[in-house]
Amino acid sequence: MLTDLFPNLDVQDLVVATYETFYMTLLALLGTVILGIILGLLLYLTAQGGMWQNKVLNFIVATIVNVFRAIPFIILILLLFPFTDFLIGTIRGPSAALPALIIGSAPFYGRLVEIALKEVDKGVIEAAKSMGAKTRTIIFRVLLPESMPALVSGITVTGIALIGYTAMAGVIGAGGLGDYAYFFGFQRRDFDVVLVCTVLIVIIVFIFQFIGDFISNKLDKR
């Protein structure tokens, strides 16, 4: 029946492409969360009135974040070709897309982390300071736990953006559903392949959103 509805679809290739999309999205999301939290904390702590107030460092970090957020992803992939080749040893395949995916998404998530940290009640932070808590304790026992629902919501938004990025990365041979839809669907004018890939990407986005909302609601005690 599937063959009748989608005569040009190769199920085995579709399974491989779906696996590659999950591979790129999940690994890139892990790297993005780690790097994004570091950037967000630096933006928050070095800002005026912050625990590590430092105008120069805040300006440098903010500039890096703004510059990488401003570069279109498809151009960023091309710009990072030498770095990707040095790091991964190739510029093709799912693994080769990871540096660009992480570097392209981490600044975006870093800003979301900064916003989440700003929403933490200042009274809670002051109370922790008055009890002699060190900066490390305030970060890991107050700031990050108190902002966790917003951080998870940010991860959900970033993860969905990453799925879109993986589809774009597919156009330059990174693999995944974008690659399969473009090279085996669009270029051959086999639009049933494009349709199936699009539906699968939409389903993956819905799954990410559902899981993210569920976890965020569970963590939100308000």
N, C-alpha and C. Protein backbone atom coordinates (compact mmCIF):
# COMPACT_ATOMS: atom_id res chain seq x y z
N MET A 1 0.83 -1.21 0.00
CA MET A 1 0.00 0.00 0.00
C MET A 1 0.87 1.26 0.00
N LEU A 2 1.94 1.22 0.82
CA LEU A 2 2.85 2.36 0.90
C LEU A 2 3.49 2.63 -0.46
N THR A 3 3.81 1.53 -1.16
CA THR A 3 4.43 1.66 -2.48
C THR A 3 3.47 2.28 -3.48
N ASP A 4 2.18 1.96 -3.35
CA ASP A 4 1.18 2.54 -4.26
C ASP A 4 1.01 4.03 -4.02
N LEU A 5 1.00 4.41 -2.74
CA LEU A 5 0.80 5.83 -2.41
C LEU A 5 2.04 6.67 -2.72
N PHE A 6 3.22 6.11 -2.41
CA PHE A 6 4.48 6.85 -2.59
C PHE A 6 5.43 5.97 -3.41
N PRO A 7 5.25 5.91 -4.73
CA PRO A 7 5.99 4.96 -5.58
C PRO A 7 7.50 5.19 -5.61
N ASN A 8 7.95 6.41 -5.31
CA ASN A 8 9.39 6.70 -5.39
C ASN A 8 10.10 6.62 -4.05
N LEU A 9 9.34 6.27 -3.01
CA LEU A 9 9.90 6.26 -1.66
C LEU A 9 10.64 4.96 -1.37
N ASP A 10 11.89 5.09 -0.91
CA ASP A 10 12.67 3.93 -0.46
C ASP A 10 12.64 3.93 1.07
N VAL A 11 11.92 2.98 1.66
CA VAL A 11 11.71 2.98 3.11
C VAL A 11 13.04 2.87 3.86
N GLN A 12 13.95 2.05 3.33
CA GLN A 12 15.24 1.89 4.02
C GLN A 12 16.02 3.21 4.05
N ASP A 13 16.02 3.91 2.93
CA ASP A 13 16.69 5.22 2.89
C ASP A 13 16.01 6.21 3.82
N LEU A 14 14.67 6.12 3.90
CA LEU A 14 13.93 7.03 4.77
C LEU A 14 14.27 6.78 6.24
N VAL A 15 14.41 5.51 6.61
CA VAL A 15 14.77 5.17 7.99
C VAL A 15 16.16 5.72 8.32
N VAL A 16 17.10 5.54 7.39
CA VAL A 16 18.46 6.05 7.60
C VAL A 16 18.45 7.56 7.74
N ALA A 17 17.69 8.24 6.88
CA ALA A 17 17.62 9.70 6.92
C ALA A 17 16.99 10.19 8.23
N THR A 18 15.97 9.47 8.71
CA THR A 18 15.33 9.86 9.98
C THR A 18 16.31 9.68 11.13
N TYR A 19 17.06 8.57 11.11
CA TYR A 19 18.07 8.34 12.15
C TYR A 19 19.11 9.47 12.13
N GLU A 20 19.55 9.86 10.93
CA GLU A 20 20.55 10.93 10.83
C GLU A 20 20.02 12.25 11.37
N THR A 21 18.74 12.52 11.12
CA THR A 21 18.14 13.75 11.65
C THR A 21 18.13 13.74 13.18
N PHE A 22 17.73 12.61 13.77
CA PHE A 22 17.76 12.50 15.24
C PHE A 22 19.18 12.59 15.76
N TYR A 23 20.11 11.94 15.08
CA TYR A 23 21.52 11.96 15.49
C TYR A 23 22.05 13.39 15.55
N MET A 24 21.82 14.14 14.46
CA MET A 24 22.31 15.53 14.41
C MET A 24 21.61 16.40 15.45
N THR A 25 20.29 16.24 15.55
CA THR A 25 19.52 17.12 16.44
C THR A 25 19.88 16.88 17.90
N LEU A 26 19.93 15.63 18.33
CA LEU A 26 20.16 15.34 19.75
C LEU A 26 21.58 15.67 20.18
N LEU A 27 22.57 15.29 19.36
CA LEU A 27 23.96 15.60 19.73
C LEU A 27 24.21 17.11 19.71
N ALA A 28 23.67 17.77 18.68
CA ALA A 28 23.84 19.23 18.59
C ALA A 28 23.12 19.92 19.75
N LEU A 29 21.97 19.39 20.13
CA LEU A 29 21.23 19.99 21.26
C LEU A 29 22.02 19.87 22.56
N LEU A 30 22.66 18.72 22.75
CA LEU A 30 23.48 18.53 23.95
C LEU A 30 24.62 19.57 23.99
N GLY A 31 25.33 19.70 22.88
CA GLY A 31 26.42 20.69 22.82
C GLY A 31 25.90 22.11 22.96
N THR A 32 24.74 22.38 22.37
CA THR A 32 24.16 23.71 22.43
C THR A 32 23.76 24.08 23.86
N VAL A 33 23.19 23.13 24.58
CA VAL A 33 22.75 23.40 25.96
C VAL A 33 23.97 23.72 26.83
N ILE A 34 25.02 22.92 26.71
CA ILE A 34 26.22 23.15 27.53
C ILE A 34 26.83 24.52 27.21
N LEU A 35 27.08 24.77 25.93
CA LEU A 35 27.70 26.04 25.53
C LEU A 35 26.76 27.22 25.79
N GLY A 36 25.46 27.01 25.56
CA GLY A 36 24.49 28.10 25.76
C GLY A 36 24.37 28.50 27.22
N ILE A 37 24.40 27.52 28.14
CA ILE A 37 24.33 27.85 29.57
C ILE A 37 25.58 28.63 30.00
N ILE A 38 26.74 28.23 29.48
CA ILE A 38 27.98 28.97 29.80
C ILE A 38 27.86 30.41 29.31
N LEU A 39 27.41 30.60 28.06
CA LEU A 39 27.28 31.95 27.51
C LEU A 39 26.24 32.75 28.29
N GLY A 40 25.10 32.12 28.59
CA GLY A 40 24.04 32.81 29.33
C GLY A 40 24.49 33.24 30.71
N LEU A 41 25.22 32.35 31.41
CA LEU A 41 25.72 32.69 32.74
C LEU A 41 26.73 33.84 32.67
N LEU A 42 27.61 33.79 31.66
CA LEU A 42 28.59 34.88 31.51
C LEU A 42 27.89 36.21 31.24
N LEU A 43 26.87 36.19 30.39
CA LEU A 43 26.12 37.42 30.10
C LEU A 43 25.45 37.95 31.36
N TYR A 44 24.87 37.06 32.14
CA TYR A 44 24.14 37.47 33.35
C TYR A 44 25.08 37.93 34.46
N LEU A 45 26.13 37.15 34.71
CA LEU A 45 27.00 37.44 35.85
C LEU A 45 27.89 38.65 35.63
N THR A 46 28.27 38.91 34.36
CA THR A 46 29.18 40.04 34.09
C THR A 46 28.44 41.33 33.76
N ALA A 47 27.11 41.28 33.73
CA ALA A 47 26.33 42.49 33.43
C ALA A 47 26.41 43.47 34.60
N GLN A 48 25.98 44.70 34.38
CA GLN A 48 26.00 45.71 35.44
C GLN A 48 25.17 45.24 36.64
N GLY A 49 25.77 45.27 37.81
CA GLY A 49 25.08 44.81 39.01
C GLY A 49 25.21 43.31 39.24
N GLY A 50 25.84 42.60 38.30
CA GLY A 50 26.00 41.16 38.43
C GLY A 50 27.11 40.80 39.40
N MET A 51 27.18 39.53 39.77
CA MET A 51 28.16 39.09 40.77
C MET A 51 29.59 39.18 40.24
N TRP A 52 29.75 39.06 38.91
CA TRP A 52 31.08 39.22 38.30
C TRP A 52 31.11 40.44 37.39
N GLN A 53 30.51 41.51 37.80
CA GLN A 53 30.37 42.69 36.93
C GLN A 53 31.69 43.02 36.23
N ASN A 54 31.65 43.02 34.91
CA ASN A 54 32.85 43.29 34.12
C ASN A 54 32.41 43.76 32.74
N LYS A 55 32.56 45.07 32.53
CA LYS A 55 32.05 45.66 31.28
C LYS A 55 32.72 45.08 30.04
N VAL A 56 34.05 44.93 30.12
CA VAL A 56 34.80 44.46 28.94
C VAL A 56 34.40 43.03 28.58
N LEU A 57 34.39 42.15 29.57
CA LEU A 57 34.04 40.74 29.31
C LEU A 57 32.60 40.62 28.83
N ASN A 58 31.71 41.41 29.44
CA ASN A 58 30.31 41.37 29.02
C ASN A 58 30.15 41.83 27.58
N PHE A 59 30.92 42.88 27.21
CA PHE A 59 30.86 43.39 25.84
C PHE A 59 31.38 42.34 24.85
N ILE A 60 32.48 41.67 25.21
CA ILE A 60 33.05 40.65 24.31
C ILE A 60 32.08 39.49 24.11
N VAL A 61 31.54 38.99 25.23
CA VAL A 61 30.61 37.85 25.13
C VAL A 61 29.35 38.25 24.36
N ALA A 62 28.82 39.44 24.66
CA ALA A 62 27.61 39.90 23.98
C ALA A 62 27.86 40.06 22.48
N THR A 63 29.06 40.55 22.13
CA THR A 63 29.39 40.74 20.71
C THR A 63 29.47 39.39 20.00
N ILE A 64 30.13 38.42 20.62
CA ILE A 64 30.22 37.07 20.02
C ILE A 64 28.82 36.50 19.81
N VAL A 65 27.99 36.61 20.84
CA VAL A 65 26.62 36.08 20.75
C VAL A 65 25.83 36.77 19.63
N ASN A 66 25.94 38.09 19.57
CA ASN A 66 25.17 38.83 18.56
C ASN A 66 25.66 38.54 17.14
N VAL A 67 26.98 38.43 16.99
CA VAL A 67 27.53 38.18 15.65
C VAL A 67 27.09 36.82 15.13
N PHE A 68 27.22 35.79 15.96
CA PHE A 68 26.87 34.44 15.49
C PHE A 68 25.36 34.25 15.34
N ARG A 69 24.58 35.05 16.08
CA ARG A 69 23.13 34.98 15.88
C ARG A 69 22.72 35.67 14.58
N ALA A 70 23.56 36.63 14.15
CA ALA A 70 23.21 37.42 12.96
C ALA A 70 23.55 36.70 11.66
N ILE A 71 24.51 35.76 11.72
CA ILE A 71 24.94 35.07 10.49
C ILE A 71 23.91 34.02 10.09
N PRO A 72 23.38 34.09 8.88
CA PRO A 72 22.44 33.04 8.42
C PRO A 72 23.10 31.66 8.49
N PHE A 73 22.33 30.65 8.89
CA PHE A 73 22.90 29.34 9.16
C PHE A 73 23.59 28.73 7.94
N ILE A 74 22.97 28.87 6.78
CA ILE A 74 23.53 28.24 5.58
C ILE A 74 24.90 28.86 5.24
N ILE A 75 25.07 30.16 5.55
CA ILE A 75 26.36 30.82 5.32
C ILE A 75 27.36 30.39 6.40
N LEU A 76 26.86 30.24 7.63
CA LEU A 76 27.74 29.81 8.73
C LEU A 76 28.37 28.45 8.43
N ILE A 77 27.58 27.54 7.86
CA ILE A 77 28.12 26.22 7.50
C ILE A 77 29.30 26.37 6.55
N LEU A 78 29.13 27.22 5.55
CA LEU A 78 30.19 27.41 4.56
C LEU A 78 31.42 28.05 5.19
N LEU A 79 31.19 29.05 6.07
CA LEU A 79 32.31 29.73 6.73
C LEU A 79 33.11 28.77 7.62
N LEU A 80 32.40 27.79 8.19
CA LEU A 80 33.06 26.88 9.13
C LEU A 80 33.67 25.66 8.46
N PHE A 81 33.65 25.60 7.15
CA PHE A 81 34.22 24.44 6.44
C PHE A 81 35.66 24.12 6.88
N PRO A 82 36.57 25.12 6.92
CA PRO A 82 37.95 24.79 7.35
C PRO A 82 38.00 24.26 8.78
N PHE A 83 37.23 24.89 9.68
CA PHE A 83 37.20 24.45 11.08
C PHE A 83 36.62 23.05 11.20
N THR A 84 35.52 22.80 10.46
CA THR A 84 34.88 21.47 10.48
C THR A 84 35.83 20.41 9.95
N ASP A 85 36.52 20.73 8.86
CA ASP A 85 37.46 19.79 8.27
C ASP A 85 38.58 19.46 9.25
N PHE A 86 39.07 20.49 9.96
CA PHE A 86 40.14 20.30 10.96
C PHE A 86 39.64 19.44 12.13
N LEU A 87 38.40 19.72 12.57
CA LEU A 87 37.88 19.06 13.78
C LEU A 87 37.37 17.65 13.50
N ILE A 88 36.62 17.48 12.41
CA ILE A 88 35.95 16.20 12.12
C ILE A 88 36.72 15.38 11.09
N GLY A 89 37.48 16.07 10.22
CA GLY A 89 38.22 15.37 9.18
C GLY A 89 37.46 15.26 7.87
N THR A 90 36.28 15.82 7.81
CA THR A 90 35.47 15.83 6.58
C THR A 90 34.45 16.96 6.68
N ILE A 91 33.92 17.37 5.53
CA ILE A 91 32.89 18.41 5.55
C ILE A 91 31.55 17.85 5.08
N ARG A 92 31.47 16.54 4.96
CA ARG A 92 30.22 15.90 4.56
C ARG A 92 29.78 14.88 5.60
N GLY A 93 28.48 14.66 5.67
CA GLY A 93 27.95 13.68 6.62
C GLY A 93 27.37 14.34 7.86
N PRO A 94 26.59 13.58 8.63
CA PRO A 94 25.92 14.12 9.82
C PRO A 94 26.89 14.69 10.86
N SER A 95 28.02 14.00 11.07
CA SER A 95 28.96 14.49 12.09
C SER A 95 29.57 15.82 11.69
N ALA A 96 29.77 16.02 10.39
CA ALA A 96 30.37 17.27 9.92
C ALA A 96 29.43 18.47 10.13
N ALA A 97 28.14 18.20 10.28
CA ALA A 97 27.19 19.30 10.50
C ALA A 97 27.17 19.76 11.95
N LEU A 98 27.69 18.92 12.87
CA LEU A 98 27.56 19.23 14.30
C LEU A 98 28.22 20.55 14.71
N PRO A 99 29.47 20.84 14.30
CA PRO A 99 30.07 22.12 14.73
C PRO A 99 29.21 23.33 14.34
N ALA A 100 28.74 23.34 13.10
CA ALA A 100 27.92 24.47 12.65
C ALA A 100 26.59 24.53 13.40
N LEU A 101 25.99 23.36 13.64
CA LEU A 101 24.72 23.33 14.37
C LEU A 101 24.89 23.87 15.79
N ILE A 102 25.96 23.47 16.46
CA ILE A 102 26.18 23.91 17.84
C ILE A 102 26.55 25.40 17.88
N ILE A 103 27.48 25.81 17.02
CA ILE A 103 27.92 27.21 17.03
C ILE A 103 26.78 28.14 16.56
N GLY A 104 25.93 27.63 15.69
CA GLY A 104 24.81 28.46 15.22
C GLY A 104 23.68 28.57 16.23
N SER A 105 23.51 27.56 17.09
CA SER A 105 22.37 27.54 18.01
C SER A 105 22.72 28.01 19.42
N ALA A 106 23.96 27.78 19.87
CA ALA A 106 24.34 28.10 21.25
C ALA A 106 24.14 29.59 21.59
N PRO A 107 24.50 30.54 20.71
CA PRO A 107 24.25 31.95 21.05
C PRO A 107 22.77 32.26 21.24
N PHE A 108 21.93 31.65 20.43
CA PHE A 108 20.49 31.83 20.57
C PHE A 108 20.02 31.30 21.92
N TYR A 109 20.47 30.11 22.28
CA TYR A 109 20.06 29.55 23.57
C TYR A 109 20.70 30.34 24.72
N GLY A 110 21.90 30.85 24.50
CA GLY A 110 22.56 31.66 25.53
C GLY A 110 21.71 32.86 25.92
N ARG A 111 21.11 33.52 24.92
CA ARG A 111 20.23 34.66 25.22
C ARG A 111 18.99 34.21 26.00
N LEU A 112 18.46 33.04 25.64
CA LEU A 112 17.30 32.52 26.37
C LEU A 112 17.67 32.21 27.83
N VAL A 113 18.88 31.69 28.03
CA VAL A 113 19.37 31.41 29.39
C VAL A 113 19.48 32.72 30.17
N GLU A 114 20.06 33.74 29.54
CA GLU A 114 20.20 35.04 30.21
C GLU A 114 18.83 35.58 30.64
N ILE A 115 17.84 35.49 29.75
CA ILE A 115 16.49 35.98 30.07
C ILE A 115 15.90 35.18 31.23
N ALA A 116 16.11 33.86 31.21
CA ALA A 116 15.58 33.01 32.28
C ALA A 116 16.22 33.37 33.63
N LEU A 117 17.52 33.64 33.63
CA LEU A 117 18.21 33.97 34.87
C LEU A 117 17.75 35.32 35.42
N LYS A 118 17.44 36.25 34.53
CA LYS A 118 16.97 37.58 34.97
C LYS A 118 15.62 37.50 35.65
N GLU A 119 14.88 36.44 35.38
CA GLU A 119 13.54 36.30 35.97
C GLU A 119 13.58 35.69 37.37
N VAL A 120 14.77 35.24 37.79
CA VAL A 120 14.88 34.67 39.14
C VAL A 120 14.72 35.78 40.17
N ASP A 121 13.93 35.53 41.21
CA ASP A 121 13.65 36.51 42.26
C ASP A 121 14.95 36.98 42.92
N LYS A 122 15.19 38.29 42.86
CA LYS A 122 16.42 38.84 43.46
C LYS A 122 16.48 38.56 44.97
N GLY A 123 15.30 38.50 45.60
CA GLY A 123 15.27 38.26 47.04
C GLY A 123 15.87 36.90 47.41
N VAL A 124 15.65 35.92 46.56
CA VAL A 124 16.20 34.58 46.82
C VAL A 124 17.73 34.62 46.74
N ILE A 125 18.22 35.37 45.75
CA ILE A 125 19.69 35.48 45.58
C ILE A 125 20.29 36.22 46.78
N GLU A 126 19.65 37.32 47.19
CA GLU A 126 20.16 38.09 48.33
C GLU A 126 20.14 37.25 49.60
N ALA A 127 19.09 36.44 49.76
CA ALA A 127 19.00 35.58 50.95
C ALA A 127 20.16 34.59 50.97
N ALA A 128 20.47 34.04 49.79
CA ALA A 128 21.59 33.08 49.70
C ALA A 128 22.91 33.78 50.02
N LYS A 129 23.06 35.02 49.53
CA LYS A 129 24.29 35.78 49.81
C LYS A 129 24.42 36.06 51.31
N SER A 130 23.30 36.44 51.92
CA SER A 130 23.32 36.78 53.35
C SER A 130 23.69 35.58 54.21
N MET A 131 23.46 34.39 53.68
CA MET A 131 23.81 33.18 54.44
C MET A 131 25.24 32.73 54.13
N GLY A 132 25.96 33.56 53.36
CA GLY A 132 27.37 33.28 53.08
C GLY A 132 27.61 32.34 51.91
N ALA A 133 26.60 32.16 51.06
CA ALA A 133 26.76 31.25 49.92
C ALA A 133 27.76 31.83 48.92
N LYS A 134 28.63 30.97 48.41
CA LYS A 134 29.58 31.41 47.40
C LYS A 134 28.89 31.48 46.04
N THR A 135 29.59 32.12 45.09
CA THR A 135 29.01 32.29 43.74
C THR A 135 28.65 30.95 43.12
N ARG A 136 29.55 29.97 43.27
CA ARG A 136 29.29 28.64 42.70
C ARG A 136 28.02 28.04 43.28
N THR A 137 27.84 28.22 44.59
CA THR A 137 26.63 27.68 45.24
C THR A 137 25.39 28.40 44.74
N ILE A 138 25.49 29.72 44.58
CA ILE A 138 24.34 30.49 44.10
C ILE A 138 23.97 30.05 42.68
N ILE A 139 24.99 29.78 41.84
CA ILE A 139 24.72 29.37 40.45
C ILE A 139 24.01 28.01 40.42
N PHE A 140 24.59 27.04 41.14
CA PHE A 140 24.08 25.66 41.02
C PHE A 140 22.94 25.32 41.98
N ARG A 141 22.79 26.11 43.05
CA ARG A 141 21.73 25.82 44.01
C ARG A 141 20.56 26.80 43.93
N VAL A 142 20.79 27.95 43.30
CA VAL A 142 19.73 28.97 43.25
C VAL A 142 19.36 29.31 41.80
N LEU A 143 20.31 29.87 41.06
CA LEU A 143 20.01 30.40 39.72
C LEU A 143 19.48 29.32 38.78
N LEU A 144 20.26 28.26 38.60
CA LEU A 144 19.85 27.24 37.62
C LEU A 144 18.58 26.48 38.06
N PRO A 145 18.48 26.04 39.34
CA PRO A 145 17.24 25.36 39.73
C PRO A 145 16.00 26.25 39.63
N GLU A 146 16.13 27.53 40.07
CA GLU A 146 14.97 28.43 40.05
C GLU A 146 14.50 28.75 38.63
N SER A 147 15.45 28.76 37.70
CA SER A 147 15.08 29.11 36.31
C SER A 147 14.85 27.87 35.44
N MET A 148 14.82 26.69 36.03
CA MET A 148 14.77 25.45 35.27
C MET A 148 13.56 25.36 34.30
N PRO A 149 12.33 25.71 34.74
CA PRO A 149 11.21 25.63 33.78
C PRO A 149 11.45 26.48 32.51
N ALA A 150 11.99 27.70 32.71
CA ALA A 150 12.27 28.56 31.55
C ALA A 150 13.43 28.00 30.72
N LEU A 151 14.41 27.39 31.40
CA LEU A 151 15.53 26.80 30.67
C LEU A 151 15.06 25.64 29.80
N VAL A 152 14.15 24.83 30.34
CA VAL A 152 13.62 23.69 29.57
C VAL A 152 12.79 24.20 28.38
N SER A 153 12.00 25.25 28.61
CA SER A 153 11.23 25.83 27.50
C SER A 153 12.17 26.33 26.41
N GLY A 154 13.30 26.93 26.84
CA GLY A 154 14.30 27.40 25.88
C GLY A 154 14.92 26.25 25.11
N ILE A 155 15.16 25.13 25.80
CA ILE A 155 15.71 23.95 25.12
C ILE A 155 14.73 23.45 24.06
N THR A 156 13.44 23.48 24.40
CA THR A 156 12.43 23.03 23.44
C THR A 156 12.44 23.90 22.18
N VAL A 157 12.44 25.22 22.39
CA VAL A 157 12.45 26.14 21.25
C VAL A 157 13.72 25.95 20.42
N THR A 158 14.85 25.82 21.11
CA THR A 158 16.13 25.65 20.40
C THR A 158 16.17 24.32 19.66
N GLY A 159 15.65 23.27 20.29
CA GLY A 159 15.63 21.95 19.64
C GLY A 159 14.82 21.97 18.35
N ILE A 160 13.69 22.67 18.38
CA ILE A 160 12.86 22.76 17.18
C ILE A 160 13.58 23.56 16.09
N ALA A 161 14.27 24.62 16.51
CA ALA A 161 15.07 25.38 15.52
C ALA A 161 16.17 24.50 14.93
N LEU A 162 16.76 23.65 15.78
CA LEU A 162 17.82 22.75 15.30
C LEU A 162 17.31 21.77 14.25
N ILE A 163 16.07 21.30 14.43
CA ILE A 163 15.50 20.38 13.43
C ILE A 163 15.45 21.08 12.07
N GLY A 164 15.06 22.35 12.09
CA GLY A 164 15.06 23.12 10.83
C GLY A 164 16.46 23.29 10.27
N TYR A 165 17.42 23.52 11.17
CA TYR A 165 18.81 23.67 10.73
C TYR A 165 19.33 22.37 10.09
N THR A 166 18.96 21.21 10.67
CA THR A 166 19.44 19.95 10.11
C THR A 166 18.91 19.75 8.68
N ALA A 167 17.67 20.24 8.46
CA ALA A 167 17.11 20.15 7.10
C ALA A 167 17.91 21.00 6.13
N MET A 168 18.35 22.19 6.59
CA MET A 168 19.19 23.05 5.73
C MET A 168 20.56 22.43 5.52
N ALA A 169 21.11 21.85 6.59
CA ALA A 169 22.43 21.22 6.48
C ALA A 169 22.40 20.07 5.47
N GLY A 170 21.24 19.43 5.33
CA GLY A 170 21.10 18.34 4.37
C GLY A 170 21.36 18.77 2.94
N VAL A 171 21.08 20.03 2.66
CA VAL A 171 21.27 20.54 1.29
C VAL A 171 22.73 20.48 0.87
N ILE A 172 23.65 20.56 1.85
CA ILE A 172 25.09 20.49 1.50
C ILE A 172 25.65 19.10 1.78
N GLY A 173 24.77 18.11 1.88
CA GLY A 173 25.25 16.74 2.00
C GLY A 173 25.48 16.25 3.40
N ALA A 174 24.83 16.88 4.40
CA ALA A 174 25.02 16.45 5.78
C ALA A 174 24.18 15.23 6.12
N GLY A 175 23.32 14.81 5.24
CA GLY A 175 22.45 13.68 5.52
C GLY A 175 21.16 14.14 6.19
N GLY A 176 20.34 13.18 6.60
CA GLY A 176 19.10 13.52 7.28
C GLY A 176 17.94 13.69 6.30
N LEU A 177 16.78 14.03 6.85
CA LEU A 177 15.58 14.14 6.03
C LEU A 177 15.67 15.27 5.02
N GLY A 178 16.34 16.37 5.37
CA GLY A 178 16.51 17.48 4.43
C GLY A 178 17.31 17.05 3.21
N ASP A 179 18.38 16.31 3.46
CA ASP A 179 19.22 15.79 2.39
C ASP A 179 18.42 14.85 1.50
N TYR A 180 17.69 13.94 2.14
CA TYR A 180 16.91 12.96 1.37
C TYR A 180 15.81 13.64 0.54
N ALA A 181 15.13 14.62 1.15
CA ALA A 181 14.05 15.33 0.45
C ALA A 181 14.59 16.13 -0.74
N TYR A 182 15.76 16.75 -0.55
CA TYR A 182 16.29 17.62 -1.60
C TYR A 182 16.89 16.83 -2.76
N PHE A 183 17.78 15.88 -2.41
CA PHE A 183 18.49 15.17 -3.48
C PHE A 183 17.68 14.05 -4.13
N PHE A 184 16.86 13.37 -3.32
CA PHE A 184 16.10 12.23 -3.87
C PHE A 184 14.65 12.58 -4.18
N GLY A 185 14.21 13.75 -3.68
CA GLY A 185 12.85 14.17 -3.96
C GLY A 185 12.78 15.35 -4.91
N PHE A 186 13.30 16.48 -4.44
CA PHE A 186 13.17 17.72 -5.23
C PHE A 186 13.94 17.66 -6.54
N GLN A 187 15.22 17.24 -6.48
CA GLN A 187 16.04 17.25 -7.70
C GLN A 187 15.56 16.24 -8.75
N ARG A 188 14.94 15.15 -8.30
CA ARG A 188 14.43 14.15 -9.24
C ARG A 188 12.96 14.38 -9.57
N ARG A 189 12.40 15.45 -8.98
CA ARG A 189 10.98 15.77 -9.15
C ARG A 189 10.08 14.64 -8.65
N ASP A 190 10.56 13.92 -7.64
CA ASP A 190 9.75 12.89 -6.98
C ASP A 190 9.13 13.53 -5.74
N PHE A 191 8.05 14.25 -5.93
CA PHE A 191 7.51 15.07 -4.86
C PHE A 191 6.82 14.26 -3.76
N ASP A 192 6.53 13.00 -4.02
CA ASP A 192 6.00 12.16 -2.94
C ASP A 192 7.05 11.97 -1.85
N VAL A 193 8.33 11.92 -2.25
CA VAL A 193 9.42 11.80 -1.27
C VAL A 193 9.51 13.08 -0.44
N VAL A 194 9.40 14.24 -1.10
CA VAL A 194 9.44 15.52 -0.39
C VAL A 194 8.29 15.60 0.62
N LEU A 195 7.11 15.15 0.19
CA LEU A 195 5.93 15.21 1.06
C LEU A 195 6.13 14.36 2.32
N VAL A 196 6.60 13.13 2.14
CA VAL A 196 6.79 12.24 3.29
C VAL A 196 7.84 12.80 4.25
N CYS A 197 8.94 13.33 3.71
CA CYS A 197 9.98 13.90 4.56
C CYS A 197 9.45 15.10 5.34
N THR A 198 8.65 15.93 4.68
CA THR A 198 8.08 17.10 5.35
C THR A 198 7.16 16.69 6.49
N VAL A 199 6.31 15.69 6.22
CA VAL A 199 5.40 15.22 7.26
C VAL A 199 6.18 14.65 8.44
N LEU A 200 7.25 13.91 8.16
CA LEU A 200 8.06 13.35 9.24
C LEU A 200 8.72 14.44 10.08
N ILE A 201 9.23 15.48 9.42
CA ILE A 201 9.85 16.59 10.16
C ILE A 201 8.82 17.28 11.05
N VAL A 202 7.61 17.48 10.54
CA VAL A 202 6.54 18.10 11.33
C VAL A 202 6.20 17.23 12.55
N ILE A 203 6.14 15.92 12.35
CA ILE A 203 5.84 15.00 13.46
C ILE A 203 6.94 15.08 14.52
N ILE A 204 8.20 15.12 14.09
CA ILE A 204 9.32 15.21 15.04
C ILE A 204 9.23 16.52 15.84
N VAL A 205 8.88 17.62 15.16
CA VAL A 205 8.72 18.91 15.85
C VAL A 205 7.61 18.81 16.91
N PHE A 206 6.50 18.19 16.56
CA PHE A 206 5.39 18.03 17.51
C PHE A 206 5.83 17.20 18.72
N ILE A 207 6.61 16.16 18.48
CA ILE A 207 7.08 15.32 19.58
C ILE A 207 7.99 16.13 20.52
N PHE A 208 8.92 16.90 19.93
CA PHE A 208 9.80 17.75 20.74
C PHE A 208 8.99 18.72 21.59
N GLN A 209 8.01 19.37 20.97
CA GLN A 209 7.20 20.36 21.67
C GLN A 209 6.43 19.71 22.82
N PHE A 210 5.86 18.55 22.55
CA PHE A 210 5.07 17.86 23.58
C PHE A 210 5.95 17.47 24.78
N ILE A 211 7.11 16.88 24.49
CA ILE A 211 8.00 16.46 25.58
C ILE A 211 8.50 17.68 26.37
N GLY A 212 8.88 18.75 25.64
CA GLY A 212 9.37 19.97 26.30
C GLY A 212 8.32 20.59 27.19
N ASP A 213 7.08 20.71 26.68
CA ASP A 213 5.99 21.29 27.48
C ASP A 213 5.69 20.43 28.71
N PHE A 214 5.72 19.12 28.53
CA PHE A 214 5.42 18.20 29.64
C PHE A 214 6.46 18.37 30.77
N ILE A 215 7.74 18.37 30.40
CA ILE A 215 8.79 18.50 31.42
C ILE A 215 8.74 19.87 32.08
N SER A 216 8.55 20.93 31.28
CA SER A 216 8.49 22.29 31.82
C SER A 216 7.34 22.45 32.80
N ASN A 217 6.18 21.90 32.46
CA ASN A 217 5.02 21.99 33.36
C ASN A 217 5.25 21.22 34.65
N LYS A 218 5.94 20.09 34.55
CA LYS A 218 6.24 19.29 35.75
C LYS A 218 7.19 20.04 36.69
N LEU A 219 8.14 20.79 36.09
CA LEU A 219 9.12 21.50 36.90
C LEU A 219 8.59 22.80 37.48
N ASP A 220 7.59 23.38 36.81
CA ASP A 220 7.05 24.68 37.24
C ASP A 220 6.13 24.46 38.45
N LYS A 221 6.57 24.94 39.61
CA LYS A 221 5.80 24.75 40.85
C LYS A 221 4.89 25.94 41.17
N ARG A 222 4.89 26.97 40.28
CA ARG A 222 4.07 28.15 40.58
C ARG A 222 2.59 27.85 40.44
